Amino acid sequence: MPWLDLIAWFVGGAVLANAVPHLVSGVTGRPFQTPFAKPPGEGLSTATVNVLWGFGNLVIAYLLICHVGAFDLHVIEDVVALGLGMLLICLFSARHFGRFHGGDLTKQL
């Protein structure tokens, strides 16, 4: 299995997980941080921008996971690459966005 496929699936997992908060915020009508806000990644973007950004993430994830190599849910290496990408972006997002939404409990201690 080519290692470039594993990297594509890792990035695909990260992009897939990144789509979730943007789509959820967008379809519920709430603003959320995007790279298009001012300042980027800290300011809030509209719900519409979040839906578009989340959908764009889904398209990119689909292309990376389904059109690079032959991703197979039955092959543990494929799933681990995808899952690690998802886990790492989720942990990063929890730390980064926790500052803005009350999820960073270390500041309260």
PDB file of N, CA and C in Angstrom:
ATOM      1  N   MET A   1       0.846  -1.182   0.000  1.00  0.00           N
ATOM      2  CA  MET A   1       0.000   0.000   0.000  1.00  0.00           C
ATOM      3  C   MET A   1       0.889   1.241   0.000  1.00  0.00           C
ATOM      4  N   PRO A   2       0.676   2.124  -0.948  1.00  0.00           N
ATOM      5  CA  PRO A   2       1.492   3.343  -1.001  1.00  0.00           C
ATOM      6  C   PRO A   2       1.228   4.250   0.201  1.00  0.00           C
ATOM      7  N   TRP A   3       2.291   4.807   0.758  1.00  0.00           N
ATOM      8  CA  TRP A   3       2.147   5.663   1.934  1.00  0.00           C
ATOM      9  C   TRP A   3       1.450   6.977   1.591  1.00  0.00           C
ATOM     10  N   LEU A   4       1.506   7.398   0.333  1.00  0.00           N
ATOM     11  CA  LEU A   4       0.784   8.615  -0.046  1.00  0.00           C
ATOM     12  C   LEU A   4      -0.729   8.441   0.077  1.00  0.00           C
ATOM     13  N   ASP A   5      -1.215   7.225  -0.168  1.00  0.00           N
ATOM     14  CA  ASP A   5      -2.637   6.942   0.036  1.00  0.00           C
ATOM     15  C   ASP A   5      -3.001   7.127   1.502  1.00  0.00           C
ATOM     16  N   LEU A   6      -2.159   6.607   2.400  1.00  0.00           N
ATOM     17  CA  LEU A   6      -2.428   6.735   3.835  1.00  0.00           C
ATOM     18  C   LEU A   6      -2.448   8.201   4.261  1.00  0.00           C
ATOM     19  N   ILE A   7      -1.552   8.998   3.707  1.00  0.00           N
ATOM     20  CA  ILE A   7      -1.537  10.431   4.032  1.00  0.00           C
ATOM     21  C   ILE A   7      -2.819  11.095   3.527  1.00  0.00           C
ATOM     22  N   ALA A   8      -3.249  10.743   2.316  1.00  0.00           N
ATOM     23  CA  ALA A   8      -4.486  11.315   1.768  1.00  0.00           C
ATOM     24  C   ALA A   8      -5.677  10.941   2.638  1.00  0.00           C
ATOM     25  N   TRP A   9      -5.718   9.706   3.130  1.00  0.00           N
ATOM     26  CA  TRP A   9      -6.843   9.271   3.964  1.00  0.00           C
ATOM     27  C   TRP A   9      -6.787   9.922   5.338  1.00  0.00           C
ATOM     28  N   PHE A  10      -5.572  10.143   5.866  1.00  0.00           N
ATOM     29  CA  PHE A  10      -5.402  10.860   7.128  1.00  0.00           C
ATOM     30  C   PHE A  10      -5.958  12.283   6.993  1.00  0.00           C
ATOM     31  N   VAL A  11      -5.545  12.978   5.938  1.00  0.00           N
ATOM     32  CA  VAL A  11      -6.030  14.340   5.699  1.00  0.00           C
ATOM     33  C   VAL A  11      -7.533  14.318   5.420  1.00  0.00           C
ATOM     34  N   GLY A  12      -7.993  13.313   4.680  1.00  0.00           N
ATOM     35  CA  GLY A  12      -9.427  13.170   4.424  1.00  0.00           C
ATOM     36  C   GLY A  12     -10.218  13.018   5.704  1.00  0.00           C
ATOM     37  N   GLY A  13      -9.692  12.260   6.663  1.00  0.00           N
ATOM     38  CA  GLY A  13     -10.351  12.109   7.960  1.00  0.00           C
ATOM     39  C   GLY A  13     -10.412  13.423   8.716  1.00  0.00           C
ATOM     40  N   ALA A  14      -9.324  14.190   8.660  1.00  0.00           N
ATOM     41  CA  ALA A  14      -9.296  15.487   9.334  1.00  0.00           C
ATOM     42  C   ALA A  14     -10.309  16.443   8.708  1.00  0.00           C
ATOM     43  N   VAL A  15     -10.363  16.465   7.386  1.00  0.00           N
ATOM     44  CA  VAL A  15     -11.285  17.355   6.693  1.00  0.00           C
ATOM     45  C   VAL A  15     -12.733  16.922   6.934  1.00  0.00           C
ATOM     46  N   LEU A  16     -12.960  15.614   6.964  1.00  0.00           N
ATOM     47  CA  LEU A  16     -14.303  15.090   7.238  1.00  0.00           C
ATOM     48  C   LEU A  16     -14.779  15.507   8.626  1.00  0.00           C
ATOM     49  N   ALA A  17     -13.921  15.344   9.623  1.00  0.00           N
ATOM     50  CA  ALA A  17     -14.298  15.730  10.988  1.00  0.00           C
ATOM     51  C   ALA A  17     -14.479  17.243  11.096  1.00  0.00           C
ATOM     52  N   ASN A  18     -13.696  18.006  10.344  1.00  0.00           N
ATOM     53  CA  ASN A  18     -13.821  19.462  10.367  1.00  0.00           C
ATOM     54  C   ASN A  18     -15.154  19.927   9.792  1.00  0.00           C
ATOM     55  N   ALA A  19     -15.753  19.141   8.921  1.00  0.00           N
ATOM     56  CA  ALA A  19     -17.038  19.522   8.327  1.00  0.00           C
ATOM     57  C   ALA A  19     -18.161  19.538   9.365  1.00  0.00           C
ATOM     58  N   VAL A  20     -18.060  18.692  10.361  1.00  0.00           N
ATOM     59  CA  VAL A  20     -19.166  18.504  11.314  1.00  0.00           C
ATOM     60  C   VAL A  20     -19.552  19.775  12.063  1.00  0.00           C
ATOM     61  N   PRO A  21     -18.625  20.453  12.772  1.00  0.00           N
ATOM     62  CA  PRO A  21     -19.064  21.631  13.529  1.00  0.00           C
ATOM     63  C   PRO A  21     -19.595  22.758  12.646  1.00  0.00           C
ATOM     64  N   HIS A  22     -19.036  22.861  11.443  1.00  0.00           N
ATOM     65  CA  HIS A  22     -19.492  23.922  10.541  1.00  0.00           C
ATOM     66  C   HIS A  22     -20.894  23.634  10.024  1.00  0.00           C
ATOM     67  N   LEU A  23     -21.146  22.398   9.644  1.00  0.00           N
ATOM     68  CA  LEU A  23     -22.486  22.046   9.170  1.00  0.00           C
ATOM     69  C   LEU A  23     -23.517  22.149  10.288  1.00  0.00           C
ATOM     70  N   VAL A  24     -23.175  21.648  11.471  1.00  0.00           N
ATOM     71  CA  VAL A  24     -24.116  21.702  12.595  1.00  0.00           C
ATOM     72  C   VAL A  24     -24.417  23.147  12.963  1.00  0.00           C
ATOM     73  N   SER A  25     -23.389  23.965  13.078  1.00  0.00           N
ATOM     74  CA  SER A  25     -23.619  25.376  13.397  1.00  0.00           C
ATOM     75  C   SER A  25     -24.444  26.051  12.315  1.00  0.00           C
ATOM     76  N   GLY A  26     -24.109  25.786  11.074  1.00  0.00           N
ATOM     77  CA  GLY A  26     -24.813  26.416   9.968  1.00  0.00           C
ATOM     78  C   GLY A  26     -26.275  26.041   9.896  1.00  0.00           C
ATOM     79  N   VAL A  27     -26.580  24.743   9.975  1.00  0.00           N
ATOM     80  CA  VAL A  27     -27.986  24.327   9.819  1.00  0.00           C
ATOM     81  C   VAL A  27     -28.823  24.683  11.041  1.00  0.00           C
ATOM     82  N   THR A  28     -28.185  24.950  12.175  1.00  0.00           N
ATOM     83  CA  THR A  28     -28.941  25.389  13.347  1.00  0.00           C
ATOM     84  C   THR A  28     -29.005  26.917  13.426  1.00  0.00           C
ATOM     85  N   GLY A  29     -28.411  27.579  12.434  1.00  0.00           N
ATOM     86  CA  GLY A  29     -28.512  29.033  12.366  1.00  0.00           C
ATOM     87  C   GLY A  29     -27.565  29.796  13.259  1.00  0.00           C
ATOM     88  N   ARG A  30     -26.533  29.134  13.760  1.00  0.00           N
ATOM     89  CA  ARG A  30     -25.597  29.795  14.668  1.00  0.00           C
ATOM     90  C   ARG A  30     -24.307  30.181  13.950  1.00  0.00           C
ATOM     91  N   PRO A  31     -23.725  31.322  14.294  1.00  0.00           N
ATOM     92  CA  PRO A  31     -22.426  31.677  13.740  1.00  0.00           C
ATOM     93  C   PRO A  31     -21.331  30.813  14.372  1.00  0.00           C
ATOM     94  N   PHE A  32     -20.228  30.645  13.660  1.00  0.00           N
ATOM     95  CA  PHE A  32     -19.099  29.866  14.159  1.00  0.00           C
ATOM     96  C   PHE A  32     -17.845  30.347  13.442  1.00  0.00           C
ATOM     97  N   GLN A  33     -16.696  30.066  14.008  1.00  0.00           N
ATOM     98  CA  GLN A  33     -15.430  30.489  13.421  1.00  0.00           C
ATOM     99  C   GLN A  33     -15.168  29.764  12.092  1.00  0.00           C
ATOM    100  N   THR A  34     -14.649  30.508  11.118  1.00  0.00           N
ATOM    101  CA  THR A  34     -14.158  29.927   9.861  1.00  0.00           C
ATOM    102  C   THR A  34     -12.894  30.684   9.473  1.00  0.00           C
ATOM    103  N   PRO A  35     -12.181  30.183   8.475  1.00  0.00           N
ATOM    104  CA  PRO A  35     -11.006  30.917   7.987  1.00  0.00           C
ATOM    105  C   PRO A  35     -11.367  32.240   7.306  1.00  0.00           C
ATOM    106  N   PHE A  36     -12.649  32.457   7.018  1.00  0.00           N
ATOM    107  CA  PHE A  36     -13.080  33.663   6.314  1.00  0.00           C
ATOM    108  C   PHE A  36     -13.460  34.791   7.264  1.00  0.00           C
ATOM    109  N   ALA A  37     -13.501  34.514   8.553  1.00  0.00           N
ATOM    110  CA  ALA A  37     -13.875  35.533   9.543  1.00  0.00           C
ATOM    111  C   ALA A  37     -12.686  36.457   9.804  1.00  0.00           C
ATOM    112  N   LYS A  38     -12.976  37.558  10.498  1.00  0.00           N
ATOM    113  CA  LYS A  38     -11.907  38.472  10.890  1.00  0.00           C
ATOM    114  C   LYS A  38     -11.864  38.532  12.394  1.00  0.00           C
ATOM    115  N   PRO A  39     -10.774  38.185  13.034  1.00  0.00           N
ATOM    116  CA  PRO A  39      -9.581  37.553  12.482  1.00  0.00           C
ATOM    117  C   PRO A  39      -9.861  36.094  12.106  1.00  0.00           C
ATOM    118  N   PRO A  40      -9.141  35.577  11.115  1.00  0.00           N
ATOM    119  CA  PRO A  40      -9.379  34.212  10.642  1.00  0.00           C
ATOM    120  C   PRO A  40      -9.257  33.180  11.775  1.00  0.00           C
ATOM    121  N   GLY A  41     -10.246  32.300  11.865  1.00  0.00           N
ATOM    122  CA  GLY A  41     -10.232  31.248  12.871  1.00  0.00           C
ATOM    123  C   GLY A  41     -10.648  31.683  14.256  1.00  0.00           C
ATOM    124  N   GLU A  42     -10.882  32.982  14.442  1.00  0.00           N
ATOM    125  CA  GLU A  42     -11.295  33.481  15.754  1.00  0.00           C
ATOM    126  C   GLU A  42     -12.614  34.240  15.690  1.00  0.00           C
ATOM    127  N   GLY A  43     -12.777  35.054  14.661  1.00  0.00           N
ATOM    128  CA  GLY A  43     -14.027  35.784  14.489  1.00  0.00           C
ATOM    129  C   GLY A  43     -15.128  34.844  14.024  1.00  0.00           C
ATOM    130  N   LEU A  44     -16.348  35.312  14.091  1.00  0.00           N
ATOM    131  CA  LEU A  44     -17.492  34.481  13.719  1.00  0.00           C
ATOM    132  C   LEU A  44     -17.924  34.738  12.280  1.00  0.00           C
ATOM    133  N   SER A  45     -18.294  33.652  11.590  1.00  0.00           N
ATOM    134  CA  SER A  45     -18.880  33.735  10.251  1.00  0.00           C
ATOM    135  C   SER A  45     -20.355  33.389  10.352  1.00  0.00           C
ATOM    136  N   THR A  46     -21.120  33.827   9.372  1.00  0.00           N
ATOM    137  CA  THR A  46     -22.561  33.579   9.374  1.00  0.00           C
ATOM    138  C   THR A  46     -22.861  32.092   9.237  1.00  0.00           C
ATOM    139  N   ALA A  47     -24.099  31.745   9.538  1.00  0.00           N
ATOM    140  CA  ALA A  47     -24.541  30.360   9.393  1.00  0.00           C
ATOM    141  C   ALA A  47     -24.413  29.905   7.942  1.00  0.00           C
ATOM    142  N   THR A  48     -24.727  30.772   6.998  1.00  0.00           N
ATOM    143  CA  THR A  48     -24.633  30.419   5.575  1.00  0.00           C
ATOM    144  C   THR A  48     -23.196  30.114   5.177  1.00  0.00           C
ATOM    145  N   VAL A  49     -22.257  30.932   5.623  1.00  0.00           N
ATOM    146  CA  VAL A  49     -20.842  30.683   5.326  1.00  0.00           C
ATOM    147  C   VAL A  49     -20.420  29.346   5.917  1.00  0.00           C
ATOM    148  N   ASN A  50     -20.898  29.028   7.122  1.00  0.00           N
ATOM    149  CA  ASN A  50     -20.546  27.760   7.745  1.00  0.00           C
ATOM    150  C   ASN A  50     -21.108  26.568   6.979  1.00  0.00           C
ATOM    151  N   VAL A  51     -22.324  26.677   6.477  1.00  0.00           N
ATOM    152  CA  VAL A  51     -22.879  25.586   5.664  1.00  0.00           C
ATOM    153  C   VAL A  51     -22.030  25.385   4.414  1.00  0.00           C
ATOM    154  N   LEU A  52     -21.685  26.475   3.745  1.00  0.00           N
ATOM    155  CA  LEU A  52     -20.873  26.372   2.531  1.00  0.00           C
ATOM    156  C   LEU A  52     -19.480  25.802   2.829  1.00  0.00           C
ATOM    157  N   TRP A  53     -18.867  26.263   3.913  1.00  0.00           N
ATOM    158  CA  TRP A  53     -17.547  25.772   4.310  1.00  0.00           C
ATOM    159  C   TRP A  53     -17.620  24.296   4.706  1.00  0.00           C
ATOM    160  N   GLY A  54     -18.622  23.921   5.465  1.00  0.00           N
ATOM    161  CA  GLY A  54     -18.785  22.523   5.856  1.00  0.00           C
ATOM    162  C   GLY A  54     -19.030  21.625   4.658  1.00  0.00           C
ATOM    163  N   PHE A  55     -19.857  22.072   3.720  1.00  0.00           N
ATOM    164  CA  PHE A  55     -20.121  21.278   2.517  1.00  0.00           C
ATOM    165  C   PHE A  55     -18.858  21.154   1.664  1.00  0.00           C
ATOM    166  N   GLY A  56     -18.101  22.227   1.563  1.00  0.00           N
ATOM    167  CA  GLY A  56     -16.824  22.168   0.842  1.00  0.00           C
ATOM    168  C   GLY A  56     -15.876  21.166   1.469  1.00  0.00           C
ATOM    169  N   ASN A  57     -15.857  21.108   2.808  1.00  0.00           N
ATOM    170  CA  ASN A  57     -15.047  20.118   3.506  1.00  0.00           C
ATOM    171  C   ASN A  57     -15.498  18.699   3.178  1.00  0.00           C
ATOM    172  N   LEU A  58     -16.814  18.490   3.101  1.00  0.00           N
ATOM    173  CA  LEU A  58     -17.331  17.161   2.739  1.00  0.00           C
ATOM    174  C   LEU A  58     -16.881  16.746   1.342  1.00  0.00           C
ATOM    175  N   VAL A  59     -16.921  17.670   0.407  1.00  0.00           N
ATOM    176  CA  VAL A  59     -16.491  17.365  -0.966  1.00  0.00           C
ATOM    177  C   VAL A  59     -15.015  16.989  -0.995  1.00  0.00           C
ATOM    178  N   ILE A  60     -14.187  17.770  -0.318  1.00  0.00           N
ATOM    179  CA  ILE A  60     -12.755  17.484  -0.287  1.00  0.00           C
ATOM    180  C   ILE A  60     -12.487  16.144   0.390  1.00  0.00           C
ATOM    181  N   ALA A  61     -13.171  15.870   1.507  1.00  0.00           N
ATOM    182  CA  ALA A  61     -13.003  14.588   2.202  1.00  0.00           C
ATOM    183  C   ALA A  61     -13.394  13.432   1.287  1.00  0.00           C
ATOM    184  N   TYR A  62     -14.497  13.561   0.590  1.00  0.00           N
ATOM    185  CA  TYR A  62     -14.940  12.521  -0.344  1.00  0.00           C
ATOM    186  C   TYR A  62     -13.874  12.258  -1.402  1.00  0.00           C
ATOM    187  N   LEU A  63     -13.340  13.319  -1.971  1.00  0.00           N
ATOM    188  CA  LEU A  63     -12.323  13.148  -3.015  1.00  0.00           C
ATOM    189  C   LEU A  63     -11.071  12.474  -2.469  1.00  0.00           C
ATOM    190  N   LEU A  64     -10.637  12.871  -1.281  1.00  0.00           N
ATOM    191  CA  LEU A  64      -9.423  12.289  -0.699  1.00  0.00           C
ATOM    192  C   LEU A  64      -9.625  10.833  -0.275  1.00  0.00           C
ATOM    193  N   ILE A  65     -10.782  10.512   0.262  1.00  0.00           N
ATOM    194  CA  ILE A  65     -11.020   9.167   0.784  1.00  0.00           C
ATOM    195  C   ILE A  65     -11.437   8.193  -0.313  1.00  0.00           C
ATOM    196  N   CYS A  66     -12.282   8.631  -1.202  1.00  0.00           N
ATOM    197  CA  CYS A  66     -12.872   7.711  -2.185  1.00  0.00           C
ATOM    198  C   CYS A  66     -12.180   7.711  -3.542  1.00  0.00           C
ATOM    199  N   HIS A  67     -11.361   8.713  -3.824  1.00  0.00           N
ATOM    200  CA  HIS A  67     -10.751   8.791  -5.150  1.00  0.00           C
ATOM    201  C   HIS A  67      -9.232   8.777  -5.122  1.00  0.00           C
ATOM    202  N   VAL A  68      -8.646   8.562  -3.971  1.00  0.00           N
ATOM    203  CA  VAL A  68      -7.197   8.376  -3.869  1.00  0.00           C
ATOM    204  C   VAL A  68      -6.981   6.948  -3.397  1.00  0.00           C
ATOM    205  N   GLY A  69      -6.325   6.161  -4.190  1.00  0.00           N
ATOM    206  CA  GLY A  69      -6.102   4.763  -3.843  1.00  0.00           C
ATOM    207  C   GLY A  69      -7.408   3.995  -3.801  1.00  0.00           C
ATOM    208  N   ALA A  70      -7.389   2.914  -3.023  1.00  0.00           N
ATOM    209  CA  ALA A  70      -8.569   2.056  -2.891  1.00  0.00           C
ATOM    210  C   ALA A  70      -8.894   1.891  -1.405  1.00  0.00           C
ATOM    211  N   PHE A  71      -9.482   2.920  -0.817  1.00  0.00           N
ATOM    212  CA  PHE A  71      -9.830   2.876   0.610  1.00  0.00           C
ATOM    213  C   PHE A  71     -10.800   1.731   0.874  1.00  0.00           C
ATOM    214  N   ASP A  72     -10.517   0.960   1.935  1.00  0.00           N
ATOM    215  CA  ASP A  72     -11.346  -0.193   2.277  1.00  0.00           C
ATOM    216  C   ASP A  72     -11.576  -0.203   3.788  1.00  0.00           C
ATOM    217  N   LEU A  73     -12.817  -0.119   4.213  1.00  0.00           N
ATOM    218  CA  LEU A  73     -13.145  -0.138   5.639  1.00  0.00           C
ATOM    219  C   LEU A  73     -12.763  -1.455   6.322  1.00  0.00           C
ATOM    220  N   HIS A  74     -12.479  -2.483   5.548  1.00  0.00           N
ATOM    221  CA  HIS A  74     -12.089  -3.766   6.110  1.00  0.00           C
ATOM    222  C   HIS A  74     -10.583  -3.892   6.322  1.00  0.00           C
ATOM    223  N   VAL A  75      -9.821  -2.902   5.869  1.00  0.00           N
ATOM    224  CA  VAL A  75      -8.356  -2.914   6.023  1.00  0.00           C
ATOM    225  C   VAL A  75      -7.995  -1.984   7.173  1.00  0.00           C
ATOM    226  N   ILE A  76      -7.416  -2.559   8.214  1.00  0.00           N
ATOM    227  CA  ILE A  76      -7.168  -1.815   9.453  1.00  0.00           C
ATOM    228  C   ILE A  76      -6.271  -0.598   9.229  1.00  0.00           C
ATOM    229  N   GLU A  77      -5.257  -0.705   8.375  1.00  0.00           N
ATOM    230  CA  GLU A  77      -4.367   0.422   8.129  1.00  0.00           C
ATOM    231  C   GLU A  77      -5.124   1.604   7.525  1.00  0.00           C
ATOM    232  N   ASP A  78      -6.057   1.326   6.643  1.00  0.00           N
ATOM    233  CA  ASP A  78      -6.860   2.389   6.030  1.00  0.00           C
ATOM    234  C   ASP A  78      -7.696   3.102   7.081  1.00  0.00           C
ATOM    235  N   VAL A  79      -8.337   2.324   7.925  1.00  0.00           N
ATOM    236  CA  VAL A  79      -9.215   2.882   8.965  1.00  0.00           C
ATOM    237  C   VAL A  79      -8.406   3.640  10.013  1.00  0.00           C
ATOM    238  N   VAL A  80      -7.236   3.131  10.365  1.00  0.00           N
ATOM    239  CA  VAL A  80      -6.391   3.812  11.349  1.00  0.00           C
ATOM    240  C   VAL A  80      -5.940   5.169  10.810  1.00  0.00           C
ATOM    241  N   ALA A  81      -5.529   5.219   9.545  1.00  0.00           N
ATOM    242  CA  ALA A  81      -5.111   6.499   8.951  1.00  0.00           C
ATOM    243  C   ALA A  81      -6.261   7.506   8.988  1.00  0.00           C
ATOM    244  N   LEU A  82      -7.437   7.087   8.563  1.00  0.00           N
ATOM    245  CA  LEU A  82      -8.614   7.955   8.569  1.00  0.00           C
ATOM    246  C   LEU A  82      -8.969   8.382   9.998  1.00  0.00           C
ATOM    247  N   GLY A  83      -9.005   7.412  10.907  1.00  0.00           N
ATOM    248  CA  GLY A  83      -9.374   7.682  12.298  1.00  0.00           C
ATOM    249  C   GLY A  83      -8.398   8.596  13.009  1.00  0.00           C
ATOM    250  N   LEU A  84      -7.100   8.442  12.747  1.00  0.00           N
ATOM    251  CA  LEU A  84      -6.115   9.322  13.374  1.00  0.00           C
ATOM    252  C   LEU A  84      -6.274  10.761  12.892  1.00  0.00           C
ATOM    253  N   GLY A  85      -6.559  10.923  11.611  1.00  0.00           N
ATOM    254  CA  GLY A  85      -6.806  12.265  11.097  1.00  0.00           C
ATOM    255  C   GLY A  85      -7.999  12.896  11.780  1.00  0.00           C
ATOM    256  N   MET A  86      -9.059  12.114  11.950  1.00  0.00           N
ATOM    257  CA  MET A  86     -10.261  12.616  12.615  1.00  0.00           C
ATOM    258  C   MET A  86      -9.970  12.954  14.073  1.00  0.00           C
ATOM    259  N   LEU A  87      -9.294  12.041  14.779  1.00  0.00           N
ATOM    260  CA  LEU A  87      -9.017  12.251  16.201  1.00  0.00           C
ATOM    261  C   LEU A  87      -8.161  13.490  16.427  1.00  0.00           C
ATOM    262  N   LEU A  88      -7.103  13.641  15.643  1.00  0.00           N
ATOM    263  CA  LEU A  88      -6.198  14.767  15.869  1.00  0.00           C
ATOM    264  C   LEU A  88      -6.858  16.114  15.583  1.00  0.00           C
ATOM    265  N   ILE A  89      -7.650  16.215  14.534  1.00  0.00           N
ATOM    266  CA  ILE A  89      -8.323  17.492  14.273  1.00  0.00           C
ATOM    267  C   ILE A  89      -9.387  17.763  15.339  1.00  0.00           C
ATOM    268  N   CYS A  90     -10.020  16.717  15.843  1.00  0.00           N
ATOM    269  CA  CYS A  90     -11.015  16.899  16.913  1.00  0.00           C
ATOM    270  C   CYS A  90     -10.349  17.399  18.196  1.00  0.00           C
ATOM    271  N   LEU A  91      -9.201  16.824  18.552  1.00  0.00           N
ATOM    272  CA  LEU A  91      -8.485  17.274  19.753  1.00  0.00           C
ATOM    273  C   LEU A  91      -7.993  18.709  19.580  1.00  0.00           C
ATOM    274  N   PHE A  92      -7.450  19.016  18.408  1.00  0.00           N
ATOM    275  CA  PHE A  92      -7.004  20.384  18.137  1.00  0.00           C
ATOM    276  C   PHE A  92      -8.177  21.357  18.233  1.00  0.00           C
ATOM    277  N   SER A  93      -9.291  21.001  17.613  1.00  0.00           N
ATOM    278  CA  SER A  93     -10.465  21.881  17.608  1.00  0.00           C
ATOM    279  C   SER A  93     -11.005  22.097  19.020  1.00  0.00           C
ATOM    280  N   ALA A  94     -11.018  21.038  19.826  1.00  0.00           N
ATOM    281  CA  ALA A  94     -11.497  21.166  21.205  1.00  0.00           C
ATOM    282  C   ALA A  94     -10.656  22.174  21.974  1.00  0.00           C
ATOM    283  N   ARG A  95      -9.344  22.109  21.785  1.00  0.00           N
ATOM    284  CA  ARG A  95      -8.462  23.047  22.486  1.00  0.00           C
ATOM    285  C   ARG A  95      -8.604  24.471  21.932  1.00  0.00           C
ATOM    286  N   HIS A  96      -8.620  24.573  20.605  1.00  0.00           N
ATOM    287  CA  HIS A  96      -8.662  25.892  19.969  1.00  0.00           C
ATOM    288  C   HIS A  96      -9.996  26.593  20.209  1.00  0.00           C
ATOM    289  N   PHE A  97     -11.094  25.930  19.917  1.00  0.00           N
ATOM    290  CA  PHE A  97     -12.405  26.562  20.018  1.00  0.00           C
ATOM    291  C   PHE A  97     -12.944  26.571  21.439  1.00  0.00           C
ATOM    292  N   GLY A  98     -12.374  25.754  22.314  1.00  0.00           N
ATOM    293  CA  GLY A  98     -12.773  25.772  23.716  1.00  0.00           C
ATOM    294  C   GLY A  98     -12.523  27.125  24.360  1.00  0.00           C
ATOM    295  N   ARG A  99     -11.547  27.857  23.861  1.00  0.00           N
ATOM    296  CA  ARG A  99     -11.260  29.206  24.378  1.00  0.00           C
ATOM    297  C   ARG A  99     -12.431  30.142  24.164  1.00  0.00           C
ATOM    298  N   PHE A 100     -13.177  29.930  23.075  1.00  0.00           N
ATOM    299  CA  PHE A 100     -14.253  30.831  22.700  1.00  0.00           C
ATOM    300  C   PHE A 100     -15.624  30.395  23.201  1.00  0.00           C
ATOM    301  N   HIS A 101     -15.778  29.126  23.498  1.00  0.00           N
ATOM    302  CA  HIS A 101     -17.108  28.592  23.793  1.00  0.00           C
ATOM    303  C   HIS A 101     -17.209  27.938  25.171  1.00  0.00           C
ATOM    304  N   GLY A 102     -16.272  28.212  26.044  1.00  0.00           N
ATOM    305  CA  GLY A 102     -16.345  27.719  27.411  1.00  0.00           C
ATOM    306  C   GLY A 102     -15.917  26.279  27.596  1.00  0.00           C
ATOM    307  N   GLY A 103     -15.259  25.701  26.603  1.00  0.00           N
ATOM    308  CA  GLY A 103     -14.840  24.301  26.718  1.00  0.00           C
ATOM    309  C   GLY A 103     -13.448  24.133  27.275  1.00  0.00           C
ATOM    310  N   ASP A 104     -12.734  25.238  27.556  1.00  0.00           N
ATOM    311  CA  ASP A 104     -11.384  25.173  28.096  1.00  0.00           C
ATOM    312  C   ASP A 104     -11.466  25.334  29.602  1.00  0.00           C
ATOM    313  N   LEU A 105     -11.607  24.212  30.295  1.00  0.00           N
ATOM    314  CA  LEU A 105     -11.818  24.241  31.740  1.00  0.00           C
ATOM    315  C   LEU A 105     -10.557  24.595  32.507  1.00  0.00           C
ATOM    316  N   THR A 106      -9.375  24.563  31.867  1.00  0.00           N
ATOM    317  CA  THR A 106      -8.152  24.894  32.579  1.00  0.00           C
ATOM    318  C   THR A 106      -8.146  26.360  33.004  1.00  0.00           C
ATOM    319  N   LYS A 107      -8.861  27.216  32.289  1.00  0.00           N
ATOM    320  CA  LYS A 107      -8.927  28.638  32.654  1.00  0.00           C
ATOM    321  C   LYS A 107      -9.808  28.863  33.874  1.00  0.00           C
ATOM    322  N   GLN A 108     -10.670  27.901  34.189  1.00  0.00           N
ATOM    323  CA  GLN A 108     -11.593  28.052  35.307  1.00  0.00           C
ATOM    324  C   GLN A 108     -11.009  27.502  36.603  1.00  0.00           C
ATOM    325  N   LEU A 109      -9.913  26.782  36.517  1.00  0.00           N
ATOM    326  CA  LEU A 109      -9.325  26.197  37.728  1.00  0.00           C
ATOM    327  C   LEU A 109      -8.450  27.167  38.463  1.00  0.00           C
TER     328      LEU A 109
END
